[in-house]
N, C-alpha and C. Protein backbone atom coordinates (compact mmCIF):
# COMPACT_ATOMS: atom_id res chain seq x y z
N MET A 1 3.41 -16.06 -37.92
CA MET A 1 2.59 -15.69 -39.06
C MET A 1 1.17 -15.48 -38.56
N LEU A 2 0.60 -14.40 -38.99
CA LEU A 2 -0.77 -14.07 -38.62
C LEU A 2 -1.61 -14.01 -39.87
N THR A 3 -2.68 -14.77 -39.85
CA THR A 3 -3.62 -14.72 -40.96
C THR A 3 -4.92 -14.18 -40.43
N ALA A 4 -5.39 -13.08 -41.01
CA ALA A 4 -6.64 -12.48 -40.59
C ALA A 4 -7.64 -12.58 -41.72
N VAL A 5 -8.80 -13.11 -41.41
CA VAL A 5 -9.88 -13.17 -42.38
C VAL A 5 -10.82 -12.02 -42.04
N ALA A 6 -10.86 -11.04 -42.91
CA ALA A 6 -11.60 -9.82 -42.60
C ALA A 6 -13.02 -9.90 -43.14
N ASN A 7 -13.95 -9.50 -42.30
CA ASN A 7 -15.31 -9.31 -42.78
C ASN A 7 -15.52 -7.82 -43.00
N GLU A 8 -16.70 -7.42 -43.36
CA GLU A 8 -16.96 -6.02 -43.72
C GLU A 8 -16.75 -5.08 -42.54
N SER A 9 -17.18 -5.44 -41.32
CA SER A 9 -17.03 -4.55 -40.17
C SER A 9 -15.55 -4.42 -39.78
N TYR A 10 -14.79 -5.50 -39.91
CA TYR A 10 -13.36 -5.45 -39.60
C TYR A 10 -12.65 -4.52 -40.58
N GLU A 11 -13.03 -4.63 -41.85
CA GLU A 11 -12.41 -3.79 -42.88
C GLU A 11 -12.69 -2.31 -42.60
N LYS A 12 -13.91 -1.98 -42.18
CA LYS A 12 -14.25 -0.60 -41.82
C LYS A 12 -13.42 -0.13 -40.63
N PHE A 13 -13.25 -1.02 -39.65
CA PHE A 13 -12.45 -0.68 -38.46
C PHE A 13 -11.00 -0.38 -38.85
N VAL A 14 -10.41 -1.25 -39.68
CA VAL A 14 -9.01 -1.07 -40.08
C VAL A 14 -8.85 0.22 -40.89
N ASN A 15 -9.76 0.46 -41.81
CA ASN A 15 -9.67 1.70 -42.61
C ASN A 15 -9.78 2.93 -41.72
N GLY A 16 -10.69 2.90 -40.76
CA GLY A 16 -10.82 4.03 -39.84
C GLY A 16 -9.57 4.23 -39.02
N LEU A 17 -8.97 3.13 -38.55
CA LEU A 17 -7.74 3.20 -37.77
C LEU A 17 -6.59 3.76 -38.60
N GLN A 18 -6.49 3.32 -39.85
CA GLN A 18 -5.43 3.82 -40.72
C GLN A 18 -5.62 5.31 -40.99
N ASP A 19 -6.87 5.74 -41.17
CA ASP A 19 -7.14 7.16 -41.39
C ASP A 19 -6.71 7.99 -40.18
N GLU A 20 -6.98 7.48 -38.99
CA GLU A 20 -6.57 8.20 -37.78
C GLU A 20 -5.05 8.33 -37.69
N VAL A 21 -4.34 7.25 -38.04
CA VAL A 21 -2.87 7.28 -38.00
C VAL A 21 -2.34 8.30 -39.00
N VAL A 22 -2.93 8.34 -40.21
CA VAL A 22 -2.49 9.29 -41.23
C VAL A 22 -2.75 10.72 -40.77
N LYS A 23 -3.92 10.97 -40.17
CA LYS A 23 -4.22 12.32 -39.67
C LYS A 23 -3.24 12.74 -38.58
N GLU A 24 -2.88 11.81 -37.72
CA GLU A 24 -2.02 12.13 -36.59
C GLU A 24 -0.56 12.28 -36.99
N PHE A 25 -0.06 11.38 -37.86
CA PHE A 25 1.38 11.33 -38.13
C PHE A 25 1.75 11.57 -39.59
N GLY A 26 0.78 11.76 -40.47
CA GLY A 26 1.09 11.97 -41.89
C GLY A 26 1.22 10.65 -42.62
N LEU A 27 1.36 10.72 -43.95
CA LEU A 27 1.43 9.49 -44.76
C LEU A 27 2.68 8.67 -44.50
N GLU A 28 3.81 9.34 -44.40
CA GLU A 28 5.06 8.59 -44.22
C GLU A 28 5.42 8.37 -42.75
N GLY A 29 4.78 9.09 -41.87
CA GLY A 29 5.12 8.99 -40.45
C GLY A 29 4.52 7.76 -39.79
N ALA A 30 5.23 7.24 -38.89
CA ALA A 30 4.73 6.10 -38.11
C ALA A 30 4.36 6.60 -36.73
N GLY A 31 3.47 5.90 -36.10
CA GLY A 31 3.07 6.25 -34.75
C GLY A 31 4.19 5.99 -33.77
N PRO A 32 3.99 6.40 -32.53
CA PRO A 32 5.03 6.16 -31.53
C PRO A 32 5.22 4.67 -31.30
N LYS A 33 6.43 4.29 -31.06
CA LYS A 33 6.74 2.88 -30.81
C LYS A 33 6.07 2.46 -29.50
N PRO A 34 5.39 1.33 -29.51
CA PRO A 34 4.73 0.88 -28.27
C PRO A 34 5.76 0.62 -27.18
N THR A 35 5.37 0.89 -25.97
CA THR A 35 6.29 0.65 -24.85
C THR A 35 6.25 -0.82 -24.48
N ASN A 36 7.35 -1.29 -23.93
CA ASN A 36 7.44 -2.68 -23.49
C ASN A 36 6.85 -2.76 -22.08
N ALA A 37 5.69 -3.36 -21.96
CA ALA A 37 5.01 -3.42 -20.67
C ALA A 37 5.75 -4.31 -19.68
N ARG A 38 6.61 -5.19 -20.17
CA ARG A 38 7.32 -6.10 -19.27
C ARG A 38 8.64 -5.50 -18.77
N LYS A 39 9.06 -4.41 -19.34
CA LYS A 39 10.31 -3.78 -18.93
C LYS A 39 10.09 -3.06 -17.61
N PRO A 40 10.91 -3.34 -16.59
CA PRO A 40 10.73 -2.67 -15.29
C PRO A 40 10.91 -1.16 -15.43
N THR A 41 10.06 -0.42 -14.78
CA THR A 41 10.15 1.03 -14.78
C THR A 41 10.03 1.54 -13.35
N THR A 42 10.34 2.80 -13.18
CA THR A 42 10.23 3.42 -11.88
C THR A 42 9.11 4.45 -11.93
N ALA A 43 8.21 4.37 -10.98
CA ALA A 43 7.12 5.34 -10.90
C ALA A 43 7.27 6.13 -9.61
N ARG A 44 6.98 7.39 -9.67
CA ARG A 44 7.05 8.26 -8.49
C ARG A 44 5.64 8.53 -7.99
N LEU A 45 5.46 8.46 -6.69
CA LEU A 45 4.16 8.71 -6.08
C LEU A 45 3.85 10.19 -6.11
N ARG A 46 2.70 10.53 -6.64
CA ARG A 46 2.23 11.92 -6.63
C ARG A 46 1.11 11.99 -5.62
N LYS A 47 1.41 12.54 -4.46
CA LYS A 47 0.49 12.49 -3.32
C LYS A 47 -0.86 13.13 -3.60
N GLU A 48 -0.91 14.10 -4.51
CA GLU A 48 -2.20 14.74 -4.77
C GLU A 48 -3.19 13.79 -5.44
N PHE A 49 -2.69 12.71 -6.06
CA PHE A 49 -3.59 11.74 -6.70
C PHE A 49 -4.06 10.65 -5.76
N THR A 50 -3.31 10.38 -4.70
CA THR A 50 -3.67 9.26 -3.82
C THR A 50 -4.97 9.51 -3.07
N LEU A 51 -5.38 10.75 -2.95
CA LEU A 51 -6.60 11.06 -2.22
C LEU A 51 -7.85 10.96 -3.09
N LEU A 52 -7.67 10.89 -4.40
CA LEU A 52 -8.81 10.85 -5.30
C LEU A 52 -9.50 9.49 -5.26
N PRO A 53 -10.83 9.44 -5.30
CA PRO A 53 -11.53 8.15 -5.30
C PRO A 53 -11.20 7.31 -6.53
N GLN A 54 -10.92 7.97 -7.67
CA GLN A 54 -10.55 7.21 -8.87
C GLN A 54 -9.25 6.45 -8.67
N PHE A 55 -8.30 7.07 -7.96
CA PHE A 55 -7.04 6.39 -7.69
C PHE A 55 -7.26 5.19 -6.78
N LYS A 56 -8.07 5.37 -5.74
CA LYS A 56 -8.33 4.27 -4.81
C LYS A 56 -9.00 3.11 -5.53
N GLU A 57 -9.93 3.41 -6.43
CA GLU A 57 -10.60 2.34 -7.19
C GLU A 57 -9.60 1.62 -8.09
N LEU A 58 -8.75 2.39 -8.79
CA LEU A 58 -7.73 1.79 -9.64
C LEU A 58 -6.77 0.94 -8.82
N TRP A 59 -6.33 1.44 -7.68
CA TRP A 59 -5.39 0.70 -6.85
C TRP A 59 -5.99 -0.62 -6.39
N GLU A 60 -7.28 -0.63 -6.03
CA GLU A 60 -7.92 -1.87 -5.60
C GLU A 60 -7.92 -2.90 -6.73
N ARG A 61 -8.01 -2.43 -7.98
CA ARG A 61 -8.02 -3.36 -9.11
C ARG A 61 -6.63 -3.89 -9.45
N ILE A 62 -5.57 -3.09 -9.26
CA ILE A 62 -4.24 -3.51 -9.73
C ILE A 62 -3.28 -3.91 -8.63
N LYS A 63 -3.63 -3.71 -7.36
CA LYS A 63 -2.65 -3.91 -6.29
C LYS A 63 -2.14 -5.33 -6.21
N ASP A 64 -2.96 -6.32 -6.54
CA ASP A 64 -2.51 -7.71 -6.45
C ASP A 64 -1.62 -8.10 -7.62
N LYS A 65 -1.64 -7.33 -8.70
CA LYS A 65 -0.83 -7.63 -9.88
C LYS A 65 0.41 -6.75 -9.96
N THR A 66 0.60 -5.89 -8.99
CA THR A 66 1.67 -4.91 -9.03
C THR A 66 2.74 -5.25 -8.00
N ARG A 67 3.99 -5.18 -8.41
CA ARG A 67 5.09 -5.34 -7.48
C ARG A 67 5.74 -3.97 -7.30
N TYR A 68 6.04 -3.65 -6.08
CA TYR A 68 6.68 -2.37 -5.83
C TYR A 68 7.67 -2.51 -4.69
N ALA A 69 8.63 -1.62 -4.69
CA ALA A 69 9.66 -1.62 -3.66
C ALA A 69 9.81 -0.20 -3.15
N VAL A 70 10.18 -0.10 -1.89
CA VAL A 70 10.38 1.20 -1.28
C VAL A 70 11.83 1.28 -0.83
N LYS A 71 12.51 2.35 -1.21
CA LYS A 71 13.89 2.55 -0.77
C LYS A 71 13.88 3.65 0.27
N THR A 72 14.59 3.41 1.36
CA THR A 72 14.67 4.43 2.40
C THR A 72 16.14 4.71 2.70
N ASP A 73 16.38 5.91 3.14
CA ASP A 73 17.70 6.30 3.59
C ASP A 73 17.74 5.98 5.08
N SER A 74 18.34 4.85 5.46
CA SER A 74 18.32 4.38 6.84
C SER A 74 18.94 5.37 7.80
N GLU A 75 20.05 5.98 7.42
CA GLU A 75 20.72 6.93 8.31
C GLU A 75 19.81 8.14 8.58
N LEU A 76 19.18 8.65 7.55
CA LEU A 76 18.28 9.78 7.70
C LEU A 76 17.08 9.41 8.57
N LEU A 77 16.54 8.22 8.34
CA LEU A 77 15.40 7.76 9.13
C LEU A 77 15.77 7.62 10.60
N LEU A 78 16.91 6.99 10.88
CA LEU A 78 17.34 6.82 12.27
C LEU A 78 17.60 8.16 12.95
N THR A 79 18.21 9.08 12.24
CA THR A 79 18.46 10.40 12.80
C THR A 79 17.16 11.09 13.18
N ALA A 80 16.17 11.01 12.30
CA ALA A 80 14.88 11.65 12.57
C ALA A 80 14.16 10.98 13.74
N VAL A 81 14.20 9.66 13.80
CA VAL A 81 13.53 8.93 14.89
C VAL A 81 14.19 9.23 16.22
N VAL A 82 15.51 9.21 16.27
CA VAL A 82 16.21 9.50 17.52
C VAL A 82 15.92 10.92 17.98
N ARG A 83 15.87 11.86 17.04
CA ARG A 83 15.56 13.25 17.38
C ARG A 83 14.16 13.34 18.02
N GLU A 84 13.20 12.60 17.48
CA GLU A 84 11.84 12.62 18.03
C GLU A 84 11.79 11.93 19.40
N PHE A 85 12.52 10.83 19.55
CA PHE A 85 12.55 10.14 20.85
C PHE A 85 13.18 11.00 21.92
N ASP A 86 14.14 11.81 21.55
CA ASP A 86 14.77 12.70 22.53
C ASP A 86 13.78 13.71 23.08
N LYS A 87 12.74 14.05 22.35
CA LYS A 87 11.74 15.01 22.79
C LYS A 87 10.70 14.40 23.73
N VAL A 88 10.57 13.08 23.72
CA VAL A 88 9.52 12.41 24.48
C VAL A 88 10.00 12.14 25.91
N GLU A 89 9.14 12.45 26.88
CA GLU A 89 9.46 12.13 28.27
C GLU A 89 8.94 10.73 28.57
N ILE A 90 9.83 9.84 28.93
CA ILE A 90 9.45 8.47 29.26
C ILE A 90 9.58 8.30 30.76
N ARG A 91 8.42 8.15 31.40
CA ARG A 91 8.42 8.02 32.86
C ARG A 91 8.68 6.56 33.24
N PRO A 92 9.26 6.35 34.43
CA PRO A 92 9.50 4.97 34.86
C PRO A 92 8.17 4.25 35.08
N PRO A 93 8.19 2.93 34.95
CA PRO A 93 6.93 2.18 35.12
C PRO A 93 6.45 2.23 36.57
N ARG A 94 5.14 2.13 36.74
CA ARG A 94 4.55 2.09 38.08
C ARG A 94 4.00 0.68 38.28
N VAL A 95 4.35 0.08 39.38
CA VAL A 95 3.90 -1.27 39.70
C VAL A 95 3.14 -1.23 41.01
N THR A 96 1.96 -1.85 41.02
CA THR A 96 1.17 -1.94 42.25
C THR A 96 1.23 -3.37 42.75
N ILE A 97 1.57 -3.51 44.02
CA ILE A 97 1.70 -4.84 44.62
C ILE A 97 0.58 -5.02 45.64
N LYS A 98 -0.15 -6.12 45.52
CA LYS A 98 -1.21 -6.46 46.47
C LYS A 98 -1.03 -7.92 46.86
N LYS A 99 -1.31 -8.21 48.11
CA LYS A 99 -1.24 -9.58 48.58
C LYS A 99 -2.67 -10.06 48.78
N ALA A 100 -3.00 -11.23 48.23
CA ALA A 100 -4.36 -11.73 48.32
C ALA A 100 -4.35 -13.24 48.51
N GLN A 101 -5.45 -13.72 49.03
CA GLN A 101 -5.64 -15.16 49.20
C GLN A 101 -6.81 -15.54 48.29
N VAL A 102 -6.72 -16.69 47.68
CA VAL A 102 -7.77 -17.12 46.77
C VAL A 102 -8.46 -18.34 47.37
N GLN A 103 -9.77 -18.26 47.43
CA GLN A 103 -10.57 -19.41 47.88
C GLN A 103 -11.24 -20.02 46.65
N VAL A 104 -11.03 -21.31 46.47
CA VAL A 104 -11.62 -22.00 45.32
C VAL A 104 -12.88 -22.69 45.79
N GLY A 105 -13.99 -22.45 45.10
CA GLY A 105 -15.27 -23.05 45.44
C GLY A 105 -15.44 -24.40 44.76
N THR A 106 -16.56 -25.01 44.99
CA THR A 106 -16.81 -26.34 44.43
C THR A 106 -17.32 -26.27 42.99
N SER A 107 -17.80 -25.13 42.55
CA SER A 107 -18.36 -25.04 41.20
C SER A 107 -17.43 -24.27 40.26
N ASP A 108 -16.15 -24.57 40.32
CA ASP A 108 -15.14 -23.94 39.45
C ASP A 108 -15.16 -22.42 39.51
N GLU A 109 -15.29 -21.86 40.66
CA GLU A 109 -15.21 -20.42 40.83
C GLU A 109 -14.24 -20.13 41.96
N PHE A 110 -13.66 -18.96 41.93
CA PHE A 110 -12.77 -18.59 43.02
C PHE A 110 -13.06 -17.16 43.44
N THR A 111 -12.74 -16.88 44.68
CA THR A 111 -12.99 -15.57 45.25
C THR A 111 -11.68 -15.06 45.83
N PRO A 112 -11.17 -13.93 45.31
CA PRO A 112 -9.94 -13.38 45.90
C PRO A 112 -10.29 -12.58 47.16
N LEU A 113 -9.49 -12.76 48.18
CA LEU A 113 -9.64 -12.01 49.42
C LEU A 113 -8.37 -11.20 49.59
N GLN A 114 -8.52 -9.87 49.52
CA GLN A 114 -7.36 -9.00 49.65
C GLN A 114 -6.88 -9.00 51.10
N MET A 115 -5.59 -9.23 51.28
CA MET A 115 -5.03 -9.32 52.62
C MET A 115 -4.27 -8.06 53.03
N THR A 116 -3.73 -7.32 52.04
CA THR A 116 -3.01 -6.07 52.37
C THR A 116 -3.45 -4.98 51.39
N ALA A 117 -3.22 -3.76 51.78
CA ALA A 117 -3.53 -2.65 50.90
C ALA A 117 -2.50 -2.62 49.76
N GLY A 118 -2.91 -2.05 48.62
CA GLY A 118 -2.01 -1.97 47.49
C GLY A 118 -0.87 -1.01 47.76
N LYS A 119 0.32 -1.37 47.28
CA LYS A 119 1.48 -0.51 47.44
C LYS A 119 2.04 -0.25 46.04
N THR A 120 2.17 1.03 45.69
CA THR A 120 2.67 1.39 44.37
C THR A 120 4.12 1.82 44.50
N VAL A 121 4.94 1.21 43.66
CA VAL A 121 6.37 1.54 43.68
C VAL A 121 6.78 2.01 42.29
């Protein structure tokens, strides 16, 4: 049960709101039924909006209150990734081997002394 105690400004607001509804939908018509904000819905990303500064500002305000999920076609993704990997030339690793002796000083410092030239395999 809702009890509203109306003052003069509230009464003006309600009358104005009712007039707007009558203008929009007629005397017997009702406005559109409000949507259920708690009902899960699916939204599609429209890439042309993600670049707009207004979108970025909105996203910063709602991102912590929004839950979203991403569905991917794993087979399609794997096929595309494998195709791209097939194009890449992967060279074998190069390892350089050097032999050195380390002299430790008295003041917690050390000096490496190279004993052989580096060999890359």
